[in-house]
Amino acid sequence: MQNDRIFSMAFAKVYPLYVQKAERKGRTKDEVDQVIRWLTGYDEAGLRQQIDRGTDFRTFFDEAPALHPNTALINGVVCGVRVEEVPDPLMRKIRWLDKLIDELAKGKAMEKVLRA
């Protein structure tokens, strides 16, 4: 049931937390947006529309134009869970996003965060 609560949470409520986390560590909102767009395939207008609509996480990822082909390279631990071992596909996508934002906030070079 915990997953259902997360899946139905508005992306727009979590997005400012991603930005705050990055900005506290000297990163920018534009970098957060770049990471989100890289993962999901949204363009700037599409991402803004999802935020403005108050879309939940399930819809946010269901309507994502295309997940980046290098998502399989996203690995590591978020909240004590290895992201590559998360069984639920939607939760795995959310954890990928969490992991990318964590890496950005920890000062990793953008090329490494974006698996370039």
PDB file of N, CA and C in Angstrom:
ATOM      1  N   MET A   1       0.813  -1.197   0.000  1.00  0.00           N
ATOM      2  CA  MET A   1       0.000   0.000   0.000  1.00  0.00           C
ATOM      3  C   MET A   1       0.858   1.264   0.000  1.00  0.00           C
ATOM      4  N   GLN A   2       2.068   1.181   0.534  1.00  0.00           N
ATOM      5  CA  GLN A   2       2.978   2.332   0.552  1.00  0.00           C
ATOM      6  C   GLN A   2       3.264   2.794  -0.874  1.00  0.00           C
ATOM      7  N   ASN A   3       3.448   1.840  -1.795  1.00  0.00           N
ATOM      8  CA  ASN A   3       3.713   2.199  -3.187  1.00  0.00           C
ATOM      9  C   ASN A   3       2.550   2.969  -3.785  1.00  0.00           C
ATOM     10  N   ASP A   4       1.309   2.542  -3.506  1.00  0.00           N
ATOM     11  CA  ASP A   4       0.142   3.236  -4.048  1.00  0.00           C
ATOM     12  C   ASP A   4       0.125   4.699  -3.613  1.00  0.00           C
ATOM     13  N   ARG A   5       0.512   4.945  -2.384  1.00  0.00           N
ATOM     14  CA  ARG A   5       0.545   6.320  -1.878  1.00  0.00           C
ATOM     15  C   ARG A   5       1.585   7.149  -2.633  1.00  0.00           C
ATOM     16  N   ILE A   6       2.735   6.561  -2.869  1.00  0.00           N
ATOM     17  CA  ILE A   6       3.796   7.261  -3.612  1.00  0.00           C
ATOM     18  C   ILE A   6       3.367   7.465  -5.059  1.00  0.00           C
ATOM     19  N   PHE A   7       2.791   6.438  -5.679  1.00  0.00           N
ATOM     20  CA  PHE A   7       2.398   6.525  -7.087  1.00  0.00           C
ATOM     21  C   PHE A   7       1.351   7.608  -7.313  1.00  0.00           C
ATOM     22  N   SER A   8       0.485   7.824  -6.328  1.00  0.00           N
ATOM     23  CA  SER A   8      -0.582   8.811  -6.489  1.00  0.00           C
ATOM     24  C   SER A   8      -0.174  10.206  -5.998  1.00  0.00           C
ATOM     25  N   MET A   9       1.044  10.332  -5.482  1.00  0.00           N
ATOM     26  CA  MET A   9       1.539  11.630  -5.025  1.00  0.00           C
ATOM     27  C   MET A   9       1.803  12.534  -6.228  1.00  0.00           C
ATOM     28  N   ALA A  10       1.458  13.789  -6.098  1.00  0.00           N
ATOM     29  CA  ALA A  10       1.663  14.740  -7.194  1.00  0.00           C
ATOM     30  C   ALA A  10       3.151  14.992  -7.391  1.00  0.00           C
ATOM     31  N   PHE A  11       3.607  14.826  -8.630  1.00  0.00           N
ATOM     32  CA  PHE A  11       5.001  15.111  -8.960  1.00  0.00           C
ATOM     33  C   PHE A  11       5.337  16.559  -8.595  1.00  0.00           C
ATOM     34  N   ALA A  12       4.375  17.469  -8.777  1.00  0.00           N
ATOM     35  CA  ALA A  12       4.590  18.893  -8.491  1.00  0.00           C
ATOM     36  C   ALA A  12       4.894  19.147  -7.013  1.00  0.00           C
ATOM     37  N   LYS A  13       4.485  18.248  -6.124  1.00  0.00           N
ATOM     38  CA  LYS A  13       4.793  18.411  -4.706  1.00  0.00           C
ATOM     39  C   LYS A  13       6.225  17.985  -4.397  1.00  0.00           C
ATOM     40  N   VAL A  14       6.745  17.040  -5.148  1.00  0.00           N
ATOM     41  CA  VAL A  14       8.088  16.526  -4.903  1.00  0.00           C
ATOM     42  C   VAL A  14       9.138  17.330  -5.684  1.00  0.00           C
ATOM     43  N   TYR A  15       8.755  17.837  -6.830  1.00  0.00           N
ATOM     44  CA  TYR A  15       9.682  18.580  -7.683  1.00  0.00           C
ATOM     45  C   TYR A  15      10.413  19.702  -6.932  1.00  0.00           C
ATOM     46  N   PRO A  16       9.712  20.565  -6.155  1.00  0.00           N
ATOM     47  CA  PRO A  16      10.443  21.615  -5.434  1.00  0.00           C
ATOM     48  C   PRO A  16      11.454  21.053  -4.433  1.00  0.00           C
ATOM     49  N   LEU A  17      11.174  19.871  -3.897  1.00  0.00           N
ATOM     50  CA  LEU A  17      12.119  19.240  -2.971  1.00  0.00           C
ATOM     51  C   LEU A  17      13.380  18.802  -3.702  1.00  0.00           C
ATOM     52  N   TYR A  18      13.220  18.290  -4.926  1.00  0.00           N
ATOM     53  CA  TYR A  18      14.384  17.961  -5.750  1.00  0.00           C
ATOM     54  C   TYR A  18      15.228  19.211  -5.993  1.00  0.00           C
ATOM     55  N   VAL A  19      14.558  20.298  -6.352  1.00  0.00           N
ATOM     56  CA  VAL A  19      15.266  21.554  -6.637  1.00  0.00           C
ATOM     57  C   VAL A  19      15.968  22.065  -5.378  1.00  0.00           C
ATOM     58  N   GLN A  20      15.273  22.052  -4.238  1.00  0.00           N
ATOM     59  CA  GLN A  20      15.873  22.516  -2.975  1.00  0.00           C
ATOM     60  C   GLN A  20      17.098  21.689  -2.614  1.00  0.00           C
ATOM     61  N   LYS A  21      16.985  20.388  -2.767  1.00  0.00           N
ATOM     62  CA  LYS A  21      18.106  19.505  -2.432  1.00  0.00           C
ATOM     63  C   LYS A  21      19.324  19.859  -3.285  1.00  0.00           C
ATOM     64  N   ALA A  22      19.111  20.047  -4.562  1.00  0.00           N
ATOM     65  CA  ALA A  22      20.216  20.379  -5.468  1.00  0.00           C
ATOM     66  C   ALA A  22      20.779  21.771  -5.161  1.00  0.00           C
ATOM     67  N   GLU A  23      19.895  22.734  -4.946  1.00  0.00           N
ATOM     68  CA  GLU A  23      20.354  24.111  -4.704  1.00  0.00           C
ATOM     69  C   GLU A  23      21.129  24.236  -3.400  1.00  0.00           C
ATOM     70  N   ARG A  24      20.747  23.452  -2.376  1.00  0.00           N
ATOM     71  CA  ARG A  24      21.499  23.470  -1.114  1.00  0.00           C
ATOM     72  C   ARG A  24      22.944  23.055  -1.327  1.00  0.00           C
ATOM     73  N   LYS A  25      23.173  22.278  -2.358  1.00  0.00           N
ATOM     74  CA  LYS A  25      24.517  21.783  -2.643  1.00  0.00           C
ATOM     75  C   LYS A  25      25.184  22.543  -3.798  1.00  0.00           C
ATOM     76  N   GLY A  26      24.619  23.699  -4.145  1.00  0.00           N
ATOM     77  CA  GLY A  26      25.257  24.536  -5.159  1.00  0.00           C
ATOM     78  C   GLY A  26      24.884  24.213  -6.594  1.00  0.00           C
ATOM     79  N   ARG A  27      23.902  23.364  -6.796  1.00  0.00           N
ATOM     80  CA  ARG A  27      23.444  23.059  -8.150  1.00  0.00           C
ATOM     81  C   ARG A  27      22.246  23.934  -8.476  1.00  0.00           C
ATOM     82  N   THR A  28      21.747  23.865  -9.705  1.00  0.00           N
ATOM     83  CA  THR A  28      20.685  24.772 -10.122  1.00  0.00           C
ATOM     84  C   THR A  28      19.409  24.032 -10.508  1.00  0.00           C
ATOM     85  N   LYS A  29      18.318  24.792 -10.549  1.00  0.00           N
ATOM     86  CA  LYS A  29      17.034  24.267 -11.010  1.00  0.00           C
ATOM     87  C   LYS A  29      17.158  23.786 -12.449  1.00  0.00           C
ATOM     88  N   ASP A  30      17.901  24.519 -13.272  1.00  0.00           N
ATOM     89  CA  ASP A  30      18.096  24.109 -14.666  1.00  0.00           C
ATOM     90  C   ASP A  30      18.778  22.746 -14.760  1.00  0.00           C
ATOM     91  N   GLU A  31      19.712  22.476 -13.859  1.00  0.00           N
ATOM     92  CA  GLU A  31      20.377  21.169 -13.856  1.00  0.00           C
ATOM     93  C   GLU A  31      19.403  20.072 -13.433  1.00  0.00           C
ATOM     94  N   VAL A  32      18.563  20.358 -12.455  1.00  0.00           N
ATOM     95  CA  VAL A  32      17.533  19.391 -12.051  1.00  0.00           C
ATOM     96  C   VAL A  32      16.622  19.097 -13.235  1.00  0.00           C
ATOM     97  N   ASP A  33      16.171  20.150 -13.917  1.00  0.00           N
ATOM     98  CA  ASP A  33      15.307  19.975 -15.086  1.00  0.00           C
ATOM     99  C   ASP A  33      16.002  19.160 -16.172  1.00  0.00           C
ATOM    100  N   GLN A  34      17.284  19.415 -16.376  1.00  0.00           N
ATOM    101  CA  GLN A  34      18.042  18.679 -17.393  1.00  0.00           C
ATOM    102  C   GLN A  34      18.074  17.179 -17.063  1.00  0.00           C
ATOM    103  N   VAL A  35      18.284  16.864 -15.807  1.00  0.00           N
ATOM    104  CA  VAL A  35      18.314  15.465 -15.369  1.00  0.00           C
ATOM    105  C   VAL A  35      16.943  14.815 -15.593  1.00  0.00           C
ATOM    106  N   ILE A  36      15.882  15.507 -15.207  1.00  0.00           N
ATOM    107  CA  ILE A  36      14.527  14.957 -15.368  1.00  0.00           C
ATOM    108  C   ILE A  36      14.210  14.761 -16.844  1.00  0.00           C
ATOM    109  N   ARG A  37      14.566  15.745 -17.662  1.00  0.00           N
ATOM    110  CA  ARG A  37      14.296  15.632 -19.105  1.00  0.00           C
ATOM    111  C   ARG A  37      15.120  14.502 -19.724  1.00  0.00           C
ATOM    112  N   TRP A  38      16.346  14.329 -19.273  1.00  0.00           N
ATOM    113  CA  TRP A  38      17.190  13.239 -19.791  1.00  0.00           C
ATOM    114  C   TRP A  38      16.534  11.894 -19.502  1.00  0.00           C
ATOM    115  N   LEU A  39      16.068  11.707 -18.272  1.00  0.00           N
ATOM    116  CA  LEU A  39      15.474  10.433 -17.872  1.00  0.00           C
ATOM    117  C   LEU A  39      14.172  10.155 -18.610  1.00  0.00           C
ATOM    118  N   THR A  40      13.312  11.162 -18.720  1.00  0.00           N
ATOM    119  CA  THR A  40      11.936  10.947 -19.178  1.00  0.00           C
ATOM    120  C   THR A  40      11.679  11.257 -20.651  1.00  0.00           C
ATOM    121  N   GLY A  41      12.512  12.079 -21.244  1.00  0.00           N
ATOM    122  CA  GLY A  41      12.277  12.478 -22.633  1.00  0.00           C
ATOM    123  C   GLY A  41      11.371  13.686 -22.778  1.00  0.00           C
ATOM    124  N   TYR A  42      10.892  14.247 -21.657  1.00  0.00           N
ATOM    125  CA  TYR A  42      10.090  15.468 -21.748  1.00  0.00           C
ATOM    126  C   TYR A  42      10.958  16.608 -22.271  1.00  0.00           C
ATOM    127  N   ASP A  43      10.352  17.503 -23.044  1.00  0.00           N
ATOM    128  CA  ASP A  43      11.031  18.750 -23.355  1.00  0.00           C
ATOM    129  C   ASP A  43      10.664  19.748 -22.253  1.00  0.00           C
ATOM    130  N   GLU A  44      11.203  20.958 -22.333  1.00  0.00           N
ATOM    131  CA  GLU A  44      10.968  21.937 -21.277  1.00  0.00           C
ATOM    132  C   GLU A  44       9.477  22.227 -21.094  1.00  0.00           C
ATOM    133  N   ALA A  45       8.764  22.415 -22.204  1.00  0.00           N
ATOM    134  CA  ALA A  45       7.326  22.720 -22.128  1.00  0.00           C
ATOM    135  C   ALA A  45       6.541  21.534 -21.566  1.00  0.00           C
ATOM    136  N   GLY A  46       6.908  20.325 -21.962  1.00  0.00           N
ATOM    137  CA  GLY A  46       6.214  19.133 -21.475  1.00  0.00           C
ATOM    138  C   GLY A  46       6.399  18.929 -19.981  1.00  0.00           C
ATOM    139  N   LEU A  47       7.622  19.166 -19.506  1.00  0.00           N
ATOM    140  CA  LEU A  47       7.891  19.051 -18.070  1.00  0.00           C
ATOM    141  C   LEU A  47       7.095  20.097 -17.304  1.00  0.00           C
ATOM    142  N   ARG A  48       7.098  21.328 -17.785  1.00  0.00           N
ATOM    143  CA  ARG A  48       6.353  22.408 -17.130  1.00  0.00           C
ATOM    144  C   ARG A  48       4.858  22.076 -17.088  1.00  0.00           C
ATOM    145  N   GLN A  49       4.341  21.513 -18.183  1.00  0.00           N
ATOM    146  CA  GLN A  49       2.917  21.161 -18.248  1.00  0.00           C
ATOM    147  C   GLN A  49       2.578  20.101 -17.195  1.00  0.00           C
ATOM    148  N   GLN A  50       3.436  19.097 -17.050  1.00  0.00           N
ATOM    149  CA  GLN A  50       3.195  18.052 -16.042  1.00  0.00           C
ATOM    150  C   GLN A  50       3.162  18.648 -14.638  1.00  0.00           C
ATOM    151  N   ILE A  51       4.073  19.575 -14.374  1.00  0.00           N
ATOM    152  CA  ILE A  51       4.127  20.215 -13.060  1.00  0.00           C
ATOM    153  C   ILE A  51       2.880  21.065 -12.843  1.00  0.00           C
ATOM    154  N   ASP A  52       2.531  21.861 -13.839  1.00  0.00           N
ATOM    155  CA  ASP A  52       1.360  22.749 -13.723  1.00  0.00           C
ATOM    156  C   ASP A  52       0.055  21.975 -13.556  1.00  0.00           C
ATOM    157  N   ARG A  53      -0.049  20.812 -14.181  1.00  0.00           N
ATOM    158  CA  ARG A  53      -1.260  19.985 -14.088  1.00  0.00           C
ATOM    159  C   ARG A  53      -1.369  19.252 -12.757  1.00  0.00           C
ATOM    160  N   GLY A  54      -0.273  19.186 -12.013  1.00  0.00           N
ATOM    161  CA  GLY A  54      -0.306  18.457 -10.749  1.00  0.00           C
ATOM    162  C   GLY A  54      -0.367  16.952 -10.952  1.00  0.00           C
ATOM    163  N   THR A  55       0.218  16.497 -12.030  1.00  0.00           N
ATOM    164  CA  THR A  55       0.218  15.086 -12.398  1.00  0.00           C
ATOM    165  C   THR A  55       0.842  14.222 -11.309  1.00  0.00           C
ATOM    166  N   ASP A  56       0.241  13.058 -11.059  1.00  0.00           N
ATOM    167  CA  ASP A  56       0.836  12.135 -10.087  1.00  0.00           C
ATOM    168  C   ASP A  56       2.003  11.387 -10.746  1.00  0.00           C
ATOM    169  N   PHE A  57       2.802  10.704  -9.911  1.00  0.00           N
ATOM    170  CA  PHE A  57       3.976  10.006 -10.431  1.00  0.00           C
ATOM    171  C   PHE A  57       3.612   8.966 -11.485  1.00  0.00           C
ATOM    172  N   ARG A  58       2.515   8.235 -11.255  1.00  0.00           N
ATOM    173  CA  ARG A  58       2.115   7.206 -12.222  1.00  0.00           C
ATOM    174  C   ARG A  58       1.875   7.843 -13.595  1.00  0.00           C
ATOM    175  N   THR A  59       1.097   8.905 -13.641  1.00  0.00           N
ATOM    176  CA  THR A  59       0.793   9.577 -14.901  1.00  0.00           C
ATOM    177  C   THR A  59       2.048  10.234 -15.475  1.00  0.00           C
ATOM    178  N   PHE A  60       2.854  10.834 -14.605  1.00  0.00           N
ATOM    179  CA  PHE A  60       4.085  11.484 -15.047  1.00  0.00           C
ATOM    180  C   PHE A  60       4.956  10.520 -15.848  1.00  0.00           C
ATOM    181  N   PHE A  61       5.137   9.311 -15.325  1.00  0.00           N
ATOM    182  CA  PHE A  61       5.977   8.345 -16.037  1.00  0.00           C
ATOM    183  C   PHE A  61       5.224   7.658 -17.168  1.00  0.00           C
ATOM    184  N   ASP A  62       3.918   7.440 -17.024  1.00  0.00           N
ATOM    185  CA  ASP A  62       3.131   6.849 -18.112  1.00  0.00           C
ATOM    186  C   ASP A  62       3.124   7.741 -19.343  1.00  0.00           C
ATOM    187  N   GLU A  63       3.096   9.057 -19.143  1.00  0.00           N
ATOM    188  CA  GLU A  63       3.051   9.993 -20.254  1.00  0.00           C
ATOM    189  C   GLU A  63       4.431  10.453 -20.714  1.00  0.00           C
ATOM    190  N   ALA A  64       5.474   9.966 -20.062  1.00  0.00           N
ATOM    191  CA  ALA A  64       6.832  10.354 -20.466  1.00  0.00           C
ATOM    192  C   ALA A  64       7.070   9.930 -21.909  1.00  0.00           C
ATOM    193  N   PRO A  65       7.578  10.850 -22.723  1.00  0.00           N
ATOM    194  CA  PRO A  65       7.776  10.531 -24.144  1.00  0.00           C
ATOM    195  C   PRO A  65       8.638   9.294 -24.382  1.00  0.00           C
ATOM    196  N   ALA A  66       9.771   9.184 -23.679  1.00  0.00           N
ATOM    197  CA  ALA A  66      10.650   8.025 -23.870  1.00  0.00           C
ATOM    198  C   ALA A  66      11.714   8.021 -22.786  1.00  0.00           C
ATOM    199  N   LEU A  67      11.792   6.936 -22.051  1.00  0.00           N
ATOM    200  CA  LEU A  67      12.872   6.822 -21.086  1.00  0.00           C
ATOM    201  C   LEU A  67      14.193   6.710 -21.836  1.00  0.00           C
ATOM    202  N   HIS A  68      15.215   7.296 -21.280  1.00  0.00           N
ATOM    203  CA  HIS A  68      16.526   7.274 -21.921  1.00  0.00           C
ATOM    204  C   HIS A  68      17.030   5.836 -22.023  1.00  0.00           C
ATOM    205  N   PRO A  69      17.652   5.487 -23.142  1.00  0.00           N
ATOM    206  CA  PRO A  69      18.125   4.110 -23.291  1.00  0.00           C
ATOM    207  C   PRO A  69      19.222   3.713 -22.295  1.00  0.00           C
ATOM    208  N   ASN A  70      19.871   4.678 -21.664  1.00  0.00           N
ATOM    209  CA  ASN A  70      20.936   4.351 -20.714  1.00  0.00           C
ATOM    210  C   ASN A  70      20.446   4.199 -19.276  1.00  0.00           C
ATOM    211  N   THR A  71      19.147   4.063 -19.074  1.00  0.00           N
ATOM    212  CA  THR A  71      18.644   3.919 -17.707  1.00  0.00           C
ATOM    213  C   THR A  71      19.182   2.654 -17.033  1.00  0.00           C
ATOM    214  N   ALA A  72      19.530   1.663 -17.817  1.00  0.00           N
ATOM    215  CA  ALA A  72      20.077   0.432 -17.242  1.00  0.00           C
ATOM    216  C   ALA A  72      21.416   0.692 -16.542  1.00  0.00           C
ATOM    217  N   LEU A  73      22.050   1.816 -16.850  1.00  0.00           N
ATOM    218  CA  LEU A  73      23.328   2.156 -16.220  1.00  0.00           C
ATOM    219  C   LEU A  73      23.150   2.840 -14.863  1.00  0.00           C
ATOM    220  N   ILE A  74      21.900   3.150 -14.505  1.00  0.00           N
ATOM    221  CA  ILE A  74      21.641   3.784 -13.211  1.00  0.00           C
ATOM    222  C   ILE A  74      21.606   2.681 -12.160  1.00  0.00           C
ATOM    223  N   ASN A  75      22.563   2.720 -11.253  1.00  0.00           N
ATOM    224  CA  ASN A  75      22.588   1.728 -10.187  1.00  0.00           C
ATOM    225  C   ASN A  75      23.098   2.373  -8.914  1.00  0.00           C
ATOM    226  N   GLY A  76      22.963   1.654  -7.837  1.00  0.00           N
ATOM    227  CA  GLY A  76      23.374   2.164  -6.546  1.00  0.00           C
ATOM    228  C   GLY A  76      22.231   2.080  -5.553  1.00  0.00           C
ATOM    229  N   VAL A  77      22.436   2.720  -4.408  1.00  0.00           N
ATOM    230  CA  VAL A  77      21.492   2.608  -3.305  1.00  0.00           C
ATOM    231  C   VAL A  77      20.799   3.946  -3.055  1.00  0.00           C
ATOM    232  N   VAL A  78      19.480   3.894  -2.914  1.00  0.00           N
ATOM    233  CA  VAL A  78      18.669   5.048  -2.502  1.00  0.00           C
ATOM    234  C   VAL A  78      17.770   4.559  -1.381  1.00  0.00           C
ATOM    235  N   CYS A  79      17.807   5.245  -0.269  1.00  0.00           N
ATOM    236  CA  CYS A  79      16.983   4.870   0.896  1.00  0.00           C
ATOM    237  C   CYS A  79      17.202   3.409   1.295  1.00  0.00           C
ATOM    238  N   GLY A  80      18.438   2.954   1.187  1.00  0.00           N
ATOM    239  CA  GLY A  80      18.770   1.604   1.602  1.00  0.00           C
ATOM    240  C   GLY A  80      18.370   0.512   0.633  1.00  0.00           C
ATOM    241  N   VAL A  81      17.927   0.874  -0.552  1.00  0.00           N
ATOM    242  CA  VAL A  81      17.478  -0.103  -1.546  1.00  0.00           C
ATOM    243  C   VAL A  81      18.291   0.074  -2.825  1.00  0.00           C
ATOM    244  N   ARG A  82      18.781  -1.031  -3.362  1.00  0.00           N
ATOM    245  CA  ARG A  82      19.501  -0.980  -4.633  1.00  0.00           C
ATOM    246  C   ARG A  82      18.486  -0.721  -5.748  1.00  0.00           C
ATOM    247  N   VAL A  83      18.670   0.363  -6.493  1.00  0.00           N
ATOM    248  CA  VAL A  83      17.680   0.752  -7.498  1.00  0.00           C
ATOM    249  C   VAL A  83      17.523  -0.299  -8.592  1.00  0.00           C
ATOM    250  N   GLU A  84      18.597  -0.975  -8.922  1.00  0.00           N
ATOM    251  CA  GLU A  84      18.514  -1.978  -9.988  1.00  0.00           C
ATOM    252  C   GLU A  84      17.764  -3.242  -9.556  1.00  0.00           C
ATOM    253  N   GLU A  85      17.492  -3.381  -8.259  1.00  0.00           N
ATOM    254  CA  GLU A  85      16.784  -4.554  -7.749  1.00  0.00           C
ATOM    255  C   GLU A  85      15.326  -4.267  -7.369  1.00  0.00           C
ATOM    256  N   VAL A  86      14.857  -3.058  -7.609  1.00  0.00           N
ATOM    257  CA  VAL A  86      13.467  -2.714  -7.274  1.00  0.00           C
ATOM    258  C   VAL A  86      12.557  -3.470  -8.243  1.00  0.00           C
ATOM    259  N   PRO A  87      11.668  -4.331  -7.718  1.00  0.00           N
ATOM    260  CA  PRO A  87      10.866  -5.181  -8.608  1.00  0.00           C
ATOM    261  C   PRO A  87       9.759  -4.448  -9.369  1.00  0.00           C
ATOM    262  N   ASP A  88       9.133  -3.466  -8.756  1.00  0.00           N
ATOM    263  CA  ASP A  88       8.029  -2.767  -9.415  1.00  0.00           C
ATOM    264  C   ASP A  88       8.588  -1.768 -10.433  1.00  0.00           C
ATOM    265  N   PRO A  89       8.178  -1.864 -11.706  1.00  0.00           N
ATOM    266  CA  PRO A  89       8.736  -0.991 -12.746  1.00  0.00           C
ATOM    267  C   PRO A  89       8.531   0.503 -12.478  1.00  0.00           C
ATOM    268  N   LEU A  90       7.368   0.888 -11.964  1.00  0.00           N
ATOM    269  CA  LEU A  90       7.142   2.308 -11.693  1.00  0.00           C
ATOM    270  C   LEU A  90       8.002   2.780 -10.525  1.00  0.00           C
ATOM    271  N   MET A  91       8.075   1.989  -9.478  1.00  0.00           N
ATOM    272  CA  MET A  91       8.907   2.368  -8.339  1.00  0.00           C
ATOM    273  C   MET A  91      10.372   2.453  -8.759  1.00  0.00           C
ATOM    274  N   ARG A  92      10.806   1.569  -9.648  1.00  0.00           N
ATOM    275  CA  ARG A  92      12.182   1.614 -10.147  1.00  0.00           C
ATOM    276  C   ARG A  92      12.439   2.941 -10.855  1.00  0.00           C
ATOM    277  N   LYS A  93      11.493   3.413 -11.659  1.00  0.00           N
ATOM    278  CA  LYS A  93      11.652   4.699 -12.358  1.00  0.00           C
ATOM    279  C   LYS A  93      11.752   5.848 -11.357  1.00  0.00           C
ATOM    280  N   ILE A  94      10.927   5.807 -10.327  1.00  0.00           N
ATOM    281  CA  ILE A  94      10.975   6.845  -9.297  1.00  0.00           C
ATOM    282  C   ILE A  94      12.322   6.806  -8.587  1.00  0.00           C
ATOM    283  N   ARG A  95      12.801   5.613  -8.281  1.00  0.00           N
ATOM    284  CA  ARG A  95      14.106   5.470  -7.616  1.00  0.00           C
ATOM    285  C   ARG A  95      15.237   5.910  -8.532  1.00  0.00           C
ATOM    286  N   TRP A  96      15.117   5.658  -9.842  1.00  0.00           N
ATOM    287  CA  TRP A  96      16.126   6.166 -10.784  1.00  0.00           C
ATOM    288  C   TRP A  96      16.206   7.686 -10.676  1.00  0.00           C
ATOM    289  N   LEU A  97      15.052   8.326 -10.669  1.00  0.00           N
ATOM    290  CA  LEU A  97      15.024   9.783 -10.570  1.00  0.00           C
ATOM    291  C   LEU A  97      15.640  10.236  -9.248  1.00  0.00           C
ATOM    292  N   ASP A  98      15.278   9.579  -8.162  1.00  0.00           N
ATOM    293  CA  ASP A  98      15.868   9.908  -6.859  1.00  0.00           C
ATOM    294  C   ASP A  98      17.388   9.768  -6.894  1.00  0.00           C
ATOM    295  N   LYS A  99      17.863   8.697  -7.489  1.00  0.00           N
ATOM    296  CA  LYS A  99      19.307   8.442  -7.560  1.00  0.00           C
ATOM    297  C   LYS A  99      20.010   9.519  -8.372  1.00  0.00           C
ATOM    298  N   LEU A 100      19.433   9.902  -9.499  1.00  0.00           N
ATOM    299  CA  LEU A 100      20.049  10.937 -10.330  1.00  0.00           C
ATOM    300  C   LEU A 100      20.111  12.274  -9.587  1.00  0.00           C
ATOM    301  N   ILE A 101      19.041  12.626  -8.890  1.00  0.00           N
ATOM    302  CA  ILE A 101      19.027  13.875  -8.124  1.00  0.00           C
ATOM    303  C   ILE A 101      20.048  13.797  -6.987  1.00  0.00           C
ATOM    304  N   ASP A 102      20.164  12.652  -6.328  1.00  0.00           N
ATOM    305  CA  ASP A 102      21.178  12.468  -5.283  1.00  0.00           C
ATOM    306  C   ASP A 102      22.577  12.687  -5.838  1.00  0.00           C
ATOM    307  N   GLU A 103      22.855  12.091  -6.985  1.00  0.00           N
ATOM    308  CA  GLU A 103      24.177  12.234  -7.587  1.00  0.00           C
ATOM    309  C   GLU A 103      24.456  13.684  -7.952  1.00  0.00           C
ATOM    310  N   LEU A 104      23.466  14.363  -8.493  1.00  0.00           N
ATOM    311  CA  LEU A 104      23.612  15.771  -8.830  1.00  0.00           C
ATOM    312  C   LEU A 104      23.931  16.578  -7.572  1.00  0.00           C
ATOM    313  N   ALA A 105      23.175  16.345  -6.513  1.00  0.00           N
ATOM    314  CA  ALA A 105      23.359  17.082  -5.265  1.00  0.00           C
ATOM    315  C   ALA A 105      24.701  16.770  -4.605  1.00  0.00           C
ATOM    316  N   LYS A 106      25.222  15.590  -4.854  1.00  0.00           N
ATOM    317  CA  LYS A 106      26.507  15.217  -4.264  1.00  0.00           C
ATOM    318  C   LYS A 106      27.691  15.773  -5.049  1.00  0.00           C
ATOM    319  N   GLY A 107      27.388  16.510  -6.133  1.00  0.00           N
ATOM    320  CA  GLY A 107      28.447  17.174  -6.864  1.00  0.00           C
ATOM    321  C   GLY A 107      29.042  16.399  -8.015  1.00  0.00           C
ATOM    322  N   LYS A 108      28.427  15.296  -8.397  1.00  0.00           N
ATOM    323  CA  LYS A 108      28.930  14.551  -9.534  1.00  0.00           C
ATOM    324  C   LYS A 108      28.851  15.411 -10.800  1.00  0.00           C
ATOM    325  N   ALA A 109      29.791  15.228 -11.674  1.00  0.00           N
ATOM    326  CA  ALA A 109      29.786  15.945 -12.943  1.00  0.00           C
ATOM    327  C   ALA A 109      28.531  15.562 -13.741  1.00  0.00           C
ATOM    328  N   MET A 110      27.964  16.524 -14.433  1.00  0.00           N
ATOM    329  CA  MET A 110      26.719  16.285 -15.182  1.00  0.00           C
ATOM    330  C   MET A 110      26.903  15.145 -16.170  1.00  0.00           C
ATOM    331  N   GLU A 111      28.056  15.028 -16.801  1.00  0.00           N
ATOM    332  CA  GLU A 111      28.285  13.944 -17.768  1.00  0.00           C
ATOM    333  C   GLU A 111      28.137  12.578 -17.104  1.00  0.00           C
ATOM    334  N   LYS A 112      28.597  12.469 -15.853  1.00  0.00           N
ATOM    335  CA  LYS A 112      28.473  11.193 -15.141  1.00  0.00           C
ATOM    336  C   LYS A 112      27.040  10.940 -14.684  1.00  0.00           C
ATOM    337  N   VAL A 113      26.361  12.005 -14.236  1.00  0.00           N
ATOM    338  CA  VAL A 113      24.976  11.858 -13.805  1.00  0.00           C
ATOM    339  C   VAL A 113      24.132  11.387 -14.992  1.00  0.00           C
ATOM    340  N   LEU A 114      24.403  11.941 -16.178  1.00  0.00           N
ATOM    341  CA  LEU A 114      23.638  11.603 -17.375  1.00  0.00           C
ATOM    342  C   LEU A 114      24.187  10.397 -18.116  1.00  0.00           C
ATOM    343  N   ARG A 115      25.103   9.697 -17.501  1.00  0.00           N
ATOM    344  CA  ARG A 115      25.666   8.463 -18.072  1.00  0.00           C
ATOM    345  C   ARG A 115      26.172   8.686 -19.491  1.00  0.00           C
ATOM    346  N   ALA A 116      26.863   9.809 -19.692  1.00  0.00           N
ATOM    347  CA  ALA A 116      27.391  10.134 -21.037  1.00  0.00           C
ATOM    348  C   ALA A 116      28.723   9.467 -21.280  1.00  0.00           C
TER     349      ALA A 116
END
